Amino acid sequence: MSSIVFDLDGTLIDSAPDLHAAANRLLQAEGHSGLSLAQVKSFIGNGVPVLVAKLAKATGLDQSAVSLSALTARFVTDYDAHSSDLTMLYPGVLDALSVLRDRGVRLGICTNKPAVPTQTILSAFQLDGFFEVVIGGDTFPVRKPDPKPLLAAFEQLGDGPRLYVGDSEVDANTALAAAVPFALFTQGYRKTPVEDFECVFHFEGFETLVDQARTAEITC
């Protein structure tokens, strides 16, 4: 049986507006002006601690380990309470997941977003019923691009053809490290030109994902 594991932010959901809002609330509480959506979006992909560290560096906040830990905890608490205020599903996601599930493809999530907001968002958008396994950024001591979280997701889904679907350099590097075929969603948060990604295929909209996966002999 085939398995497809998805990244979350920038792949299934456009979460940048809520992450941007939470970042600016944190900065303003520290007496700093906010950053643009584009700048905060460029910080997304390696997990919340890295995002907060980049916020601190960009604005001159204290970057000591103790300060970053406290800032991260405050960011997480605030974001958890507002994680689906401005976030939206990318068009076609629900239909694509429904078709894949109906065809017997086993589905999972592997994201660097912490588990609590991940589950909150999946529930808010009625996605939680699609996925047999959900790996968050705090499920293991390591996060993507370390291959351990992705491999753990596929191990729980069982044997058969595998595909990891993501939007970023982190996702591509994770798939490469795990020796898993990678499909690139081009409308997410990548910084690199599409042609520089190592992927079995790339797609602009979820209405084409099912057919492209079948053509690549990923799904059954």
N, C-alpha and C. Protein backbone atom coordinates (compact mmCIF):
# COMPACT_ATOMS: atom_id res chain seq x y z
N MET A 1 0.85 -1.20 0.00
CA MET A 1 0.00 0.00 0.00
C MET A 1 0.88 1.24 0.00
N SER A 2 0.49 2.24 -0.77
CA SER A 2 1.27 3.46 -0.88
C SER A 2 1.03 4.39 0.32
N SER A 3 2.06 5.20 0.62
CA SER A 3 1.97 6.19 1.70
C SER A 3 2.46 7.53 1.21
N ILE A 4 1.74 8.58 1.56
CA ILE A 4 2.18 9.94 1.29
C ILE A 4 2.17 10.72 2.60
N VAL A 5 3.31 11.33 2.91
CA VAL A 5 3.43 12.19 4.08
C VAL A 5 3.57 13.63 3.59
N PHE A 6 2.84 14.53 4.26
CA PHE A 6 2.84 15.94 3.88
C PHE A 6 3.51 16.79 4.95
N ASP A 7 4.21 17.80 4.51
CA ASP A 7 4.55 18.93 5.36
C ASP A 7 3.25 19.69 5.62
N LEU A 8 3.27 20.65 6.54
CA LEU A 8 2.05 21.39 6.86
C LEU A 8 2.12 22.85 6.41
N ASP A 9 2.98 23.65 7.06
CA ASP A 9 3.06 25.07 6.75
C ASP A 9 3.63 25.29 5.35
N GLY A 10 2.90 26.03 4.53
CA GLY A 10 3.37 26.30 3.18
C GLY A 10 3.08 25.18 2.21
N THR A 11 2.49 24.10 2.71
CA THR A 11 2.17 22.95 1.86
C THR A 11 0.66 22.71 1.84
N LEU A 12 0.09 22.37 2.99
CA LEU A 12 -1.36 22.22 3.09
C LEU A 12 -2.03 23.52 3.50
N ILE A 13 -1.34 24.32 4.30
CA ILE A 13 -1.91 25.56 4.82
C ILE A 13 -0.98 26.74 4.59
N ASP A 14 -1.58 27.90 4.38
CA ASP A 14 -0.83 29.15 4.37
C ASP A 14 -0.95 29.75 5.76
N SER A 15 0.02 29.43 6.60
CA SER A 15 0.00 29.85 8.01
C SER A 15 0.80 31.12 8.24
N ALA A 16 1.45 31.64 7.20
CA ALA A 16 2.32 32.80 7.38
C ALA A 16 1.60 34.00 8.02
N PRO A 17 0.34 34.30 7.66
CA PRO A 17 -0.30 35.45 8.29
C PRO A 17 -0.41 35.34 9.81
N ASP A 18 -0.73 34.15 10.34
CA ASP A 18 -0.81 33.99 11.79
C ASP A 18 0.56 34.00 12.44
N LEU A 19 1.55 33.41 11.80
CA LEU A 19 2.92 33.45 12.33
C LEU A 19 3.44 34.88 12.33
N HIS A 20 3.12 35.62 11.29
CA HIS A 20 3.51 37.03 11.20
C HIS A 20 2.86 37.84 12.31
N ALA A 21 1.58 37.62 12.53
CA ALA A 21 0.88 38.36 13.57
C ALA A 21 1.45 38.05 14.95
N ALA A 22 1.72 36.76 15.21
CA ALA A 22 2.29 36.38 16.51
C ALA A 22 3.68 36.97 16.69
N ALA A 23 4.47 36.97 15.61
CA ALA A 23 5.82 37.54 15.68
C ALA A 23 5.76 39.03 16.02
N ASN A 24 4.86 39.74 15.38
CA ASN A 24 4.78 41.18 15.64
C ASN A 24 4.21 41.49 17.02
N ARG A 25 3.32 40.65 17.52
CA ARG A 25 2.84 40.86 18.90
C ARG A 25 4.00 40.68 19.88
N LEU A 26 4.85 39.70 19.63
CA LEU A 26 6.00 39.47 20.50
C LEU A 26 6.97 40.65 20.42
N LEU A 27 7.27 41.10 19.22
CA LEU A 27 8.21 42.21 19.05
C LEU A 27 7.67 43.49 19.67
N GLN A 28 6.40 43.75 19.48
CA GLN A 28 5.82 44.97 20.03
C GLN A 28 5.80 44.95 21.56
N ALA A 29 5.61 43.76 22.13
CA ALA A 29 5.67 43.63 23.58
C ALA A 29 7.07 43.91 24.11
N GLU A 30 8.06 43.71 23.24
CA GLU A 30 9.45 43.98 23.61
C GLU A 30 9.88 45.40 23.22
N GLY A 31 8.93 46.20 22.75
CA GLY A 31 9.24 47.58 22.43
C GLY A 31 9.81 47.80 21.05
N HIS A 32 9.64 46.83 20.16
CA HIS A 32 10.16 46.95 18.80
C HIS A 32 9.02 47.05 17.81
N SER A 33 9.27 47.73 16.69
CA SER A 33 8.27 47.77 15.63
C SER A 33 8.23 46.42 14.93
N GLY A 34 7.10 46.15 14.27
CA GLY A 34 6.93 44.85 13.64
C GLY A 34 7.72 44.72 12.35
N LEU A 35 7.79 43.48 11.87
CA LEU A 35 8.45 43.16 10.61
C LEU A 35 7.39 42.90 9.54
N SER A 36 7.80 42.95 8.30
CA SER A 36 6.86 42.71 7.20
C SER A 36 6.50 41.24 7.11
N LEU A 37 5.38 40.96 6.45
CA LEU A 37 4.98 39.58 6.22
C LEU A 37 6.04 38.83 5.42
N ALA A 38 6.61 39.47 4.41
CA ALA A 38 7.63 38.81 3.59
C ALA A 38 8.84 38.42 4.41
N GLN A 39 9.25 39.29 5.33
CA GLN A 39 10.44 38.98 6.13
C GLN A 39 10.16 37.83 7.09
N VAL A 40 9.02 37.86 7.76
CA VAL A 40 8.69 36.76 8.68
C VAL A 40 8.51 35.46 7.90
N LYS A 41 7.90 35.53 6.73
CA LYS A 41 7.72 34.33 5.91
C LYS A 41 9.07 33.70 5.57
N SER A 42 10.08 34.53 5.38
CA SER A 42 11.41 34.00 5.06
C SER A 42 12.05 33.26 6.23
N PHE A 43 11.51 33.45 7.43
CA PHE A 43 12.03 32.78 8.63
C PHE A 43 11.36 31.42 8.89
N ILE A 44 10.31 31.10 8.14
CA ILE A 44 9.53 29.89 8.39
C ILE A 44 10.21 28.67 7.78
N GLY A 45 10.14 27.53 8.49
CA GLY A 45 10.59 26.28 7.90
C GLY A 45 11.41 25.40 8.81
N ASN A 46 12.17 26.01 9.72
CA ASN A 46 13.05 25.22 10.59
C ASN A 46 12.52 25.09 12.01
N GLY A 47 11.26 25.45 12.23
CA GLY A 47 10.68 25.33 13.57
C GLY A 47 10.63 26.67 14.30
N VAL A 48 9.85 26.70 15.37
CA VAL A 48 9.63 27.94 16.11
C VAL A 48 10.90 28.47 16.76
N PRO A 49 11.75 27.65 17.40
CA PRO A 49 12.96 28.21 18.01
C PRO A 49 13.85 28.95 17.00
N VAL A 50 13.96 28.42 15.80
CA VAL A 50 14.76 29.09 14.78
C VAL A 50 14.08 30.38 14.32
N LEU A 51 12.76 30.33 14.15
CA LEU A 51 12.02 31.54 13.77
C LEU A 51 12.22 32.64 14.80
N VAL A 52 12.10 32.30 16.08
CA VAL A 52 12.27 33.31 17.14
C VAL A 52 13.70 33.83 17.17
N ALA A 53 14.68 32.95 16.97
CA ALA A 53 16.07 33.39 16.94
C ALA A 53 16.31 34.37 15.79
N LYS A 54 15.68 34.12 14.65
CA LYS A 54 15.82 35.03 13.51
C LYS A 54 15.12 36.35 13.78
N LEU A 55 13.98 36.30 14.46
CA LEU A 55 13.32 37.54 14.86
C LEU A 55 14.22 38.37 15.77
N ALA A 56 14.84 37.70 16.73
CA ALA A 56 15.72 38.40 17.67
C ALA A 56 16.91 39.02 16.95
N LYS A 57 17.49 38.27 16.03
CA LYS A 57 18.65 38.78 15.30
C LYS A 57 18.27 39.97 14.43
N ALA A 58 17.11 39.90 13.79
CA ALA A 58 16.68 40.96 12.88
C ALA A 58 16.34 42.26 13.60
N THR A 59 15.97 42.16 14.87
CA THR A 59 15.51 43.34 15.60
C THR A 59 16.42 43.75 16.74
N GLY A 60 17.50 43.01 16.97
CA GLY A 60 18.44 43.37 18.02
C GLY A 60 18.03 42.95 19.41
N LEU A 61 17.11 42.01 19.51
CA LEU A 61 16.73 41.49 20.83
C LEU A 61 17.87 40.63 21.40
N ASP A 62 17.86 40.47 22.72
CA ASP A 62 18.85 39.63 23.40
C ASP A 62 18.81 38.22 22.82
N GLN A 63 19.96 37.74 22.35
CA GLN A 63 20.03 36.42 21.73
C GLN A 63 20.69 35.37 22.63
N SER A 64 20.80 35.65 23.93
CA SER A 64 21.31 34.64 24.84
C SER A 64 20.35 33.46 24.90
N ALA A 65 20.86 32.31 25.28
CA ALA A 65 20.05 31.10 25.31
C ALA A 65 18.85 31.25 26.23
N VAL A 66 19.06 31.87 27.38
CA VAL A 66 17.97 32.05 28.35
C VAL A 66 16.89 32.96 27.77
N SER A 67 17.31 34.06 27.15
CA SER A 67 16.34 34.99 26.59
C SER A 67 15.58 34.36 25.43
N LEU A 68 16.28 33.65 24.55
CA LEU A 68 15.62 33.02 23.41
C LEU A 68 14.63 31.95 23.88
N SER A 69 14.98 31.23 24.92
CA SER A 69 14.07 30.22 25.45
C SER A 69 12.79 30.86 25.98
N ALA A 70 12.93 31.97 26.68
CA ALA A 70 11.76 32.66 27.22
C ALA A 70 10.92 33.26 26.10
N LEU A 71 11.57 33.85 25.10
CA LEU A 71 10.85 34.43 23.98
C LEU A 71 10.10 33.35 23.20
N THR A 72 10.75 32.21 23.03
CA THR A 72 10.12 31.11 22.31
C THR A 72 8.88 30.62 23.05
N ALA A 73 8.99 30.47 24.35
CA ALA A 73 7.85 30.01 25.15
C ALA A 73 6.68 31.00 25.04
N ARG A 74 6.97 32.28 25.07
CA ARG A 74 5.92 33.30 24.94
C ARG A 74 5.29 33.27 23.55
N PHE A 75 6.13 33.11 22.55
CA PHE A 75 5.62 33.03 21.18
C PHE A 75 4.68 31.84 21.03
N VAL A 76 5.10 30.68 21.52
CA VAL A 76 4.30 29.46 21.39
C VAL A 76 2.96 29.62 22.09
N THR A 77 2.97 30.16 23.31
CA THR A 77 1.72 30.34 24.05
C THR A 77 0.76 31.24 23.30
N ASP A 78 1.28 32.34 22.77
CA ASP A 78 0.44 33.28 22.03
C ASP A 78 -0.04 32.67 20.72
N TYR A 79 0.86 32.04 19.99
CA TYR A 79 0.49 31.47 18.70
C TYR A 79 -0.52 30.35 18.86
N ASP A 80 -0.36 29.52 19.89
CA ASP A 80 -1.31 28.43 20.13
C ASP A 80 -2.74 28.96 20.26
N ALA A 81 -2.88 30.14 20.81
CA ALA A 81 -4.22 30.71 21.02
C ALA A 81 -4.79 31.35 19.76
N HIS A 82 -3.96 31.53 18.74
CA HIS A 82 -4.41 32.25 17.54
C HIS A 82 -3.95 31.55 16.26
N SER A 83 -3.71 30.26 16.32
CA SER A 83 -3.05 29.58 15.21
C SER A 83 -3.92 29.39 13.98
N SER A 84 -5.22 29.60 14.11
CA SER A 84 -6.09 29.46 12.93
C SER A 84 -6.93 30.71 12.67
N ASP A 85 -6.51 31.86 13.24
CA ASP A 85 -7.26 33.10 13.03
C ASP A 85 -7.19 33.56 11.58
N LEU A 86 -6.00 33.56 11.00
CA LEU A 86 -5.77 34.09 9.67
C LEU A 86 -5.31 33.02 8.68
N THR A 87 -5.00 31.85 9.19
CA THR A 87 -4.49 30.75 8.36
C THR A 87 -5.58 30.22 7.44
N MET A 88 -5.17 29.79 6.24
CA MET A 88 -6.12 29.25 5.27
C MET A 88 -5.56 27.99 4.62
N LEU A 89 -6.45 27.08 4.26
CA LEU A 89 -6.06 25.93 3.44
C LEU A 89 -5.75 26.41 2.03
N TYR A 90 -4.75 25.77 1.41
CA TYR A 90 -4.55 26.04 -0.01
C TYR A 90 -5.70 25.42 -0.80
N PRO A 91 -6.09 26.04 -1.89
CA PRO A 91 -7.21 25.52 -2.69
C PRO A 91 -6.97 24.08 -3.15
N GLY A 92 -8.02 23.28 -3.05
CA GLY A 92 -7.95 21.91 -3.54
C GLY A 92 -7.42 20.88 -2.57
N VAL A 93 -6.97 21.31 -1.39
CA VAL A 93 -6.37 20.37 -0.44
C VAL A 93 -7.37 19.31 0.00
N LEU A 94 -8.55 19.73 0.44
CA LEU A 94 -9.53 18.76 0.94
C LEU A 94 -9.93 17.75 -0.13
N ASP A 95 -10.14 18.21 -1.34
CA ASP A 95 -10.52 17.30 -2.42
C ASP A 95 -9.41 16.30 -2.70
N ALA A 96 -8.17 16.78 -2.76
CA ALA A 96 -7.05 15.89 -3.05
C ALA A 96 -6.88 14.84 -1.95
N LEU A 97 -6.96 15.25 -0.70
CA LEU A 97 -6.83 14.30 0.40
C LEU A 97 -7.96 13.28 0.37
N SER A 98 -9.17 13.73 0.05
CA SER A 98 -10.30 12.81 -0.02
C SER A 98 -10.10 11.75 -1.09
N VAL A 99 -9.63 12.17 -2.27
CA VAL A 99 -9.40 11.22 -3.36
C VAL A 99 -8.31 10.23 -2.99
N LEU A 100 -7.23 10.72 -2.43
CA LEU A 100 -6.13 9.83 -2.05
C LEU A 100 -6.59 8.82 -1.01
N ARG A 101 -7.30 9.30 0.00
CA ARG A 101 -7.79 8.38 1.04
C ARG A 101 -8.74 7.34 0.45
N ASP A 102 -9.63 7.78 -0.43
CA ASP A 102 -10.59 6.86 -1.03
C ASP A 102 -9.91 5.81 -1.90
N ARG A 103 -8.76 6.13 -2.41
CA ARG A 103 -8.00 5.18 -3.23
C ARG A 103 -7.09 4.28 -2.40
N GLY A 104 -7.17 4.43 -1.09
CA GLY A 104 -6.43 3.55 -0.21
C GLY A 104 -5.03 3.99 0.14
N VAL A 105 -4.66 5.22 -0.24
CA VAL A 105 -3.34 5.74 0.11
C VAL A 105 -3.35 6.12 1.59
N ARG A 106 -2.31 5.68 2.30
CA ARG A 106 -2.19 6.01 3.72
C ARG A 106 -1.49 7.36 3.84
N LEU A 107 -2.01 8.24 4.69
CA LEU A 107 -1.57 9.63 4.75
C LEU A 107 -1.01 9.98 6.12
N GLY A 108 0.01 10.84 6.10
CA GLY A 108 0.62 11.31 7.34
C GLY A 108 1.07 12.75 7.22
N ILE A 109 1.46 13.31 8.38
CA ILE A 109 2.00 14.67 8.47
C ILE A 109 3.37 14.59 9.13
N CYS A 110 4.33 15.33 8.58
CA CYS A 110 5.62 15.52 9.23
C CYS A 110 5.98 16.99 9.09
N THR A 111 5.90 17.72 10.19
CA THR A 111 6.08 19.17 10.19
C THR A 111 7.04 19.58 11.30
N ASN A 112 7.64 20.74 11.15
CA ASN A 112 8.45 21.31 12.23
C ASN A 112 7.62 22.16 13.18
N LYS A 113 6.33 22.31 12.90
CA LYS A 113 5.44 23.02 13.81
C LYS A 113 5.22 22.16 15.05
N PRO A 114 5.23 22.73 16.26
CA PRO A 114 4.97 21.94 17.45
C PRO A 114 3.65 21.18 17.38
N ALA A 115 3.55 20.12 18.15
CA ALA A 115 2.41 19.21 18.05
C ALA A 115 1.08 19.87 18.41
N VAL A 116 1.07 20.72 19.45
CA VAL A 116 -0.21 21.31 19.90
C VAL A 116 -0.84 22.19 18.83
N PRO A 117 -0.14 23.20 18.28
CA PRO A 117 -0.79 23.98 17.22
C PRO A 117 -1.05 23.17 15.96
N THR A 118 -0.23 22.15 15.72
CA THR A 118 -0.48 21.27 14.57
C THR A 118 -1.85 20.61 14.70
N GLN A 119 -2.11 20.01 15.84
CA GLN A 119 -3.39 19.33 16.06
C GLN A 119 -4.54 20.34 16.08
N THR A 120 -4.31 21.52 16.64
CA THR A 120 -5.35 22.55 16.66
C THR A 120 -5.76 22.94 15.24
N ILE A 121 -4.77 23.13 14.38
CA ILE A 121 -5.04 23.54 13.00
C ILE A 121 -5.70 22.40 12.22
N LEU A 122 -5.21 21.19 12.37
CA LEU A 122 -5.83 20.06 11.68
C LEU A 122 -7.30 19.92 12.06
N SER A 123 -7.60 20.12 13.33
CA SER A 123 -8.98 20.03 13.78
C SER A 123 -9.80 21.21 13.25
N ALA A 124 -9.23 22.40 13.28
CA ALA A 124 -9.96 23.59 12.85
C ALA A 124 -10.38 23.51 11.39
N PHE A 125 -9.54 22.85 10.57
CA PHE A 125 -9.83 22.75 9.14
C PHE A 125 -10.35 21.37 8.75
N GLN A 126 -10.74 20.60 9.76
CA GLN A 126 -11.33 19.27 9.54
C GLN A 126 -10.40 18.36 8.73
N LEU A 127 -9.12 18.44 9.04
CA LEU A 127 -8.12 17.62 8.38
C LEU A 127 -7.69 16.42 9.22
N ASP A 128 -8.01 16.44 10.51
CA ASP A 128 -7.46 15.44 11.41
C ASP A 128 -7.88 14.02 11.05
N GLY A 129 -9.04 13.85 10.42
CA GLY A 129 -9.50 12.51 10.07
C GLY A 129 -8.77 11.88 8.90
N PHE A 130 -7.97 12.65 8.20
CA PHE A 130 -7.28 12.12 7.03
C PHE A 130 -5.97 11.40 7.38
N PHE A 131 -5.36 11.75 8.50
CA PHE A 131 -3.98 11.35 8.74
C PHE A 131 -3.86 10.29 9.83
N GLU A 132 -3.19 9.20 9.48
CA GLU A 132 -2.98 8.12 10.44
C GLU A 132 -1.83 8.41 11.39
N VAL A 133 -0.93 9.28 11.01
CA VAL A 133 0.20 9.63 11.87
C VAL A 133 0.51 11.11 11.70
N VAL A 134 0.79 11.77 12.81
CA VAL A 134 1.15 13.19 12.80
C VAL A 134 2.42 13.36 13.64
N ILE A 135 3.49 13.78 12.98
CA ILE A 135 4.76 14.02 13.64
C ILE A 135 5.00 15.52 13.69
N GLY A 136 5.13 16.08 14.90
CA GLY A 136 5.36 17.51 15.06
C GLY A 136 6.83 17.82 15.29
N GLY A 137 7.12 19.10 15.35
CA GLY A 137 8.51 19.51 15.53
C GLY A 137 9.08 19.21 16.89
N ASP A 138 8.22 18.89 17.86
CA ASP A 138 8.69 18.52 19.20
C ASP A 138 8.40 17.06 19.54
N THR A 139 8.05 16.26 18.53
CA THR A 139 7.81 14.84 18.78
C THR A 139 9.11 14.11 19.12
N PHE A 140 10.21 14.52 18.48
CA PHE A 140 11.53 13.96 18.73
C PHE A 140 12.49 15.08 19.14
N PRO A 141 13.64 14.73 19.70
CA PRO A 141 14.63 15.77 20.04
C PRO A 141 15.18 16.48 18.81
N VAL A 142 15.04 15.87 17.63
CA VAL A 142 15.52 16.48 16.39
C VAL A 142 14.34 16.84 15.50
N ARG A 143 14.56 17.80 14.62
CA ARG A 143 13.55 18.23 13.66
C ARG A 143 14.11 18.10 12.25
N LYS A 144 13.23 18.20 11.26
CA LYS A 144 13.68 18.29 9.88
C LYS A 144 14.70 19.44 9.75
N PRO A 145 15.76 19.27 8.96
CA PRO A 145 16.00 18.26 7.92
C PRO A 145 16.60 16.94 8.40
N ASP A 146 16.73 16.74 9.72
CA ASP A 146 17.09 15.40 10.18
C ASP A 146 16.02 14.43 9.67
N PRO A 147 16.42 13.30 9.11
CA PRO A 147 15.43 12.39 8.51
C PRO A 147 14.61 11.59 9.51
N LYS A 148 15.00 11.59 10.79
CA LYS A 148 14.33 10.71 11.76
C LYS A 148 12.82 10.94 11.84
N PRO A 149 12.32 12.18 11.94
CA PRO A 149 10.85 12.35 12.02
C PRO A 149 10.13 11.82 10.79
N LEU A 150 10.67 12.06 9.61
CA LEU A 150 10.01 11.59 8.39
C LEU A 150 10.03 10.07 8.30
N LEU A 151 11.16 9.47 8.61
CA LEU A 151 11.24 8.01 8.57
C LEU A 151 10.30 7.38 9.59
N ALA A 152 10.16 8.02 10.75
CA ALA A 152 9.24 7.50 11.77
C ALA A 152 7.81 7.53 11.27
N ALA A 153 7.46 8.60 10.56
CA ALA A 153 6.10 8.68 10.01
C ALA A 153 5.84 7.56 9.02
N PHE A 154 6.78 7.32 8.11
CA PHE A 154 6.58 6.26 7.13
C PHE A 154 6.59 4.87 7.77
N GLU A 155 7.40 4.68 8.80
CA GLU A 155 7.42 3.39 9.48
C GLU A 155 6.07 3.08 10.08
N GLN A 156 5.38 4.09 10.60
CA GLN A 156 4.05 3.87 11.18
C GLN A 156 3.00 3.62 10.11
N LEU A 157 3.23 4.12 8.91
CA LEU A 157 2.27 3.94 7.83
C LEU A 157 2.42 2.60 7.12
N GLY A 158 3.57 1.96 7.25
CA GLY A 158 3.75 0.63 6.68
C GLY A 158 4.54 0.62 5.39
N ASP A 159 4.75 -0.57 4.86
CA ASP A 159 5.55 -0.77 3.66
C ASP A 159 4.80 -0.32 2.41
N GLY A 160 5.58 -0.12 1.34
CA GLY A 160 4.99 0.25 0.06
C GLY A 160 5.64 1.51 -0.49
N PRO A 161 5.26 1.93 -1.69
CA PRO A 161 5.79 3.15 -2.29
C PRO A 161 5.56 4.35 -1.37
N ARG A 162 6.56 5.25 -1.33
CA ARG A 162 6.51 6.40 -0.44
C ARG A 162 6.69 7.70 -1.21
N LEU A 163 6.07 8.77 -0.70
CA LEU A 163 6.26 10.09 -1.27
C LEU A 163 6.14 11.11 -0.15
N TYR A 164 7.07 12.06 -0.12
CA TYR A 164 6.97 13.18 0.81
C TYR A 164 6.65 14.43 0.00
N VAL A 165 5.62 15.16 0.43
CA VAL A 165 5.18 16.36 -0.26
C VAL A 165 5.46 17.57 0.63
N GLY A 166 6.23 18.53 0.10
CA GLY A 166 6.56 19.72 0.85
C GLY A 166 6.77 20.91 -0.05
N ASP A 167 7.15 22.04 0.56
CA ASP A 167 7.24 23.29 -0.20
C ASP A 167 8.58 23.97 -0.12
N SER A 168 9.52 23.42 0.66
CA SER A 168 10.71 24.20 0.98
C SER A 168 12.00 23.41 0.82
N GLU A 169 13.09 24.14 0.96
CA GLU A 169 14.42 23.53 0.94
C GLU A 169 14.57 22.55 2.09
N VAL A 170 14.03 22.88 3.25
CA VAL A 170 14.09 21.98 4.40
C VAL A 170 13.41 20.65 4.07
N ASP A 171 12.26 20.71 3.45
CA ASP A 171 11.54 19.49 3.08
C ASP A 171 12.31 18.67 2.06
N ALA A 172 12.86 19.33 1.07
CA ALA A 172 13.63 18.61 0.05
C ALA A 172 14.85 17.94 0.65
N ASN A 173 15.54 18.64 1.54
CA ASN A 173 16.73 18.06 2.18
C ASN A 173 16.36 16.92 3.10
N THR A 174 15.21 17.02 3.75
CA THR A 174 14.74 15.93 4.61
C THR A 174 14.47 14.68 3.79
N ALA A 175 13.76 14.84 2.68
CA ALA A 175 13.46 13.70 1.81
C ALA A 175 14.74 13.08 1.27
N LEU A 176 15.70 13.92 0.89
CA LEU A 176 16.97 13.41 0.37
C LEU A 176 17.70 12.60 1.44
N ALA A 177 17.74 13.13 2.66
CA ALA A 177 18.42 12.42 3.75
C ALA A 177 17.74 11.11 4.09
N ALA A 178 16.42 11.06 3.91
CA ALA A 178 15.66 9.85 4.21
C ALA A 178 15.58 8.90 3.02
N ALA A 179 16.12 9.32 1.87
CA ALA A 179 16.05 8.53 0.63
C ALA A 179 14.61 8.24 0.25
N VAL A 180 13.76 9.27 0.33
CA VAL A 180 12.34 9.17 0.00
C VAL A 180 12.06 10.10 -1.18
N PRO A 181 11.30 9.68 -2.19
CA PRO A 181 10.94 10.58 -3.29
C PRO A 181 10.22 11.81 -2.77
N PHE A 182 10.51 12.94 -3.42
CA PHE A 182 9.98 14.23 -2.96
C PHE A 182 9.18 14.90 -4.07
N ALA A 183 8.01 15.45 -3.70
CA ALA A 183 7.19 16.26 -4.62
C ALA A 183 7.12 17.67 -4.06
N LEU A 184 7.37 18.66 -4.90
CA LEU A 184 7.44 20.06 -4.48
C LEU A 184 6.16 20.80 -4.82
N PHE A 185 5.50 21.37 -3.79
CA PHE A 185 4.40 22.31 -3.99
C PHE A 185 5.01 23.69 -4.17
N THR A 186 4.82 24.28 -5.34
CA THR A 186 5.58 25.47 -5.71
C THR A 186 5.03 26.78 -5.15
N GLN A 187 3.86 26.75 -4.53
CA GLN A 187 3.23 27.98 -4.07
C GLN A 187 3.46 28.26 -2.58
N GLY A 188 4.39 27.54 -1.96
CA GLY A 188 4.65 27.72 -0.54
C GLY A 188 5.74 28.71 -0.23
N TYR A 189 6.66 28.34 0.66
CA TYR A 189 7.62 29.29 1.22
C TYR A 189 9.06 29.06 0.75
N ARG A 190 9.24 28.40 -0.36
CA ARG A 190 10.59 28.15 -0.86
C ARG A 190 11.29 29.47 -1.20
N LYS A 191 12.63 29.43 -1.14
CA LYS A 191 13.45 30.58 -1.50
C LYS A 191 14.28 30.30 -2.75
N THR A 192 14.31 29.06 -3.17
CA THR A 192 15.15 28.59 -4.27
C THR A 192 14.31 28.38 -5.52
N PRO A 193 14.84 28.65 -6.70
CA PRO A 193 14.09 28.38 -7.93
C PRO A 193 13.67 26.92 -8.03
N VAL A 194 12.51 26.69 -8.61
CA VAL A 194 11.97 25.34 -8.72
C VAL A 194 12.96 24.39 -9.38
N GLU A 195 13.63 24.86 -10.42
CA GLU A 195 14.53 23.98 -11.17
C GLU A 195 15.74 23.51 -10.36
N ASP A 196 15.99 24.14 -9.22
CA ASP A 196 17.13 23.74 -8.39
C ASP A 196 16.75 22.66 -7.37
N PHE A 197 15.48 22.29 -7.30
CA PHE A 197 15.05 21.25 -6.37
C PHE A 197 15.22 19.87 -6.99
N GLU A 198 15.61 18.91 -6.16
CA GLU A 198 15.65 17.51 -6.57
C GLU A 198 14.31 16.89 -6.18
N CYS A 199 13.44 16.69 -7.18
CA CYS A 199 12.10 16.17 -6.88
C CYS A 199 11.62 15.30 -8.04
N VAL A 200 10.69 14.38 -7.72
CA VAL A 200 10.15 13.52 -8.77
C VAL A 200 9.14 14.28 -9.61
N PHE A 201 8.50 15.27 -9.02
CA PHE A 201 7.66 16.20 -9.78
C PHE A 201 7.36 17.41 -8.91
N HIS A 202 6.92 18.49 -9.55
CA HIS A 202 6.47 19.66 -8.81
C HIS A 202 5.07 20.02 -9.32
N PHE A 203 4.31 20.71 -8.48
CA PHE A 203 2.93 21.04 -8.85
C PHE A 203 2.55 22.39 -8.26
N GLU A 204 1.71 23.12 -8.99
CA GLU A 204 1.27 24.45 -8.58
C GLU A 204 -0.06 24.42 -7.83
N GLY A 205 -0.87 23.38 -8.07
CA GLY A 205 -2.18 23.31 -7.43
C GLY A 205 -2.53 21.89 -7.07
N PHE A 206 -3.30 21.73 -6.01
CA PHE A 206 -3.61 20.39 -5.53
C PHE A 206 -4.56 19.63 -6.44
N GLU A 207 -5.20 20.32 -7.36
CA GLU A 207 -6.06 19.62 -8.31
C GLU A 207 -5.26 18.72 -9.24
N THR A 208 -3.94 18.93 -9.32
CA THR A 208 -3.10 18.09 -10.19
C THR A 208 -2.29 17.05 -9.42
N LEU A 209 -2.29 17.13 -8.09
CA LEU A 209 -1.42 16.25 -7.32
C LEU A 209 -1.72 14.78 -7.53
N VAL A 210 -2.99 14.41 -7.50
CA VAL A 210 -3.36 12.99 -7.59
C VAL A 210 -2.88 12.39 -8.90
N ASP A 211 -3.14 13.07 -10.00
CA ASP A 211 -2.73 12.54 -11.30
C ASP A 211 -1.21 12.50 -11.45
N GLN A 212 -0.52 13.51 -10.93
CA GLN A 212 0.93 13.51 -11.04
C GLN A 212 1.55 12.41 -10.18
N ALA A 213 0.98 12.17 -9.01
CA ALA A 213 1.47 11.09 -8.17
C ALA A 213 1.27 9.74 -8.84
N ARG A 214 0.12 9.58 -9.50
CA ARG A 214 -0.15 8.32 -10.19
C ARG A 214 0.82 8.13 -11.35
N THR A 215 1.07 9.20 -12.09
CA THR A 215 2.00 9.12 -13.22
C THR A 215 3.41 8.76 -12.74
N ALA A 216 3.77 9.27 -11.56
CA ALA A 216 5.08 8.95 -10.99
C ALA A 216 5.10 7.58 -10.32
N GLU A 217 4.00 6.85 -10.42
CA GLU A 217 3.86 5.49 -9.87
C GLU A 217 4.06 5.49 -8.36
N ILE A 218 3.55 6.56 -7.71
CA ILE A 218 3.62 6.64 -6.25
C ILE A 218 2.38 6.01 -5.63
N THR A 219 1.21 6.33 -6.20
CA THR A 219 -0.03 5.82 -5.61
C THR A 219 -0.47 4.53 -6.28
N CYS A 220 -1.33 3.80 -5.58
CA CYS A 220 -1.80 2.52 -6.13
C CYS A 220 -3.17 2.68 -6.76
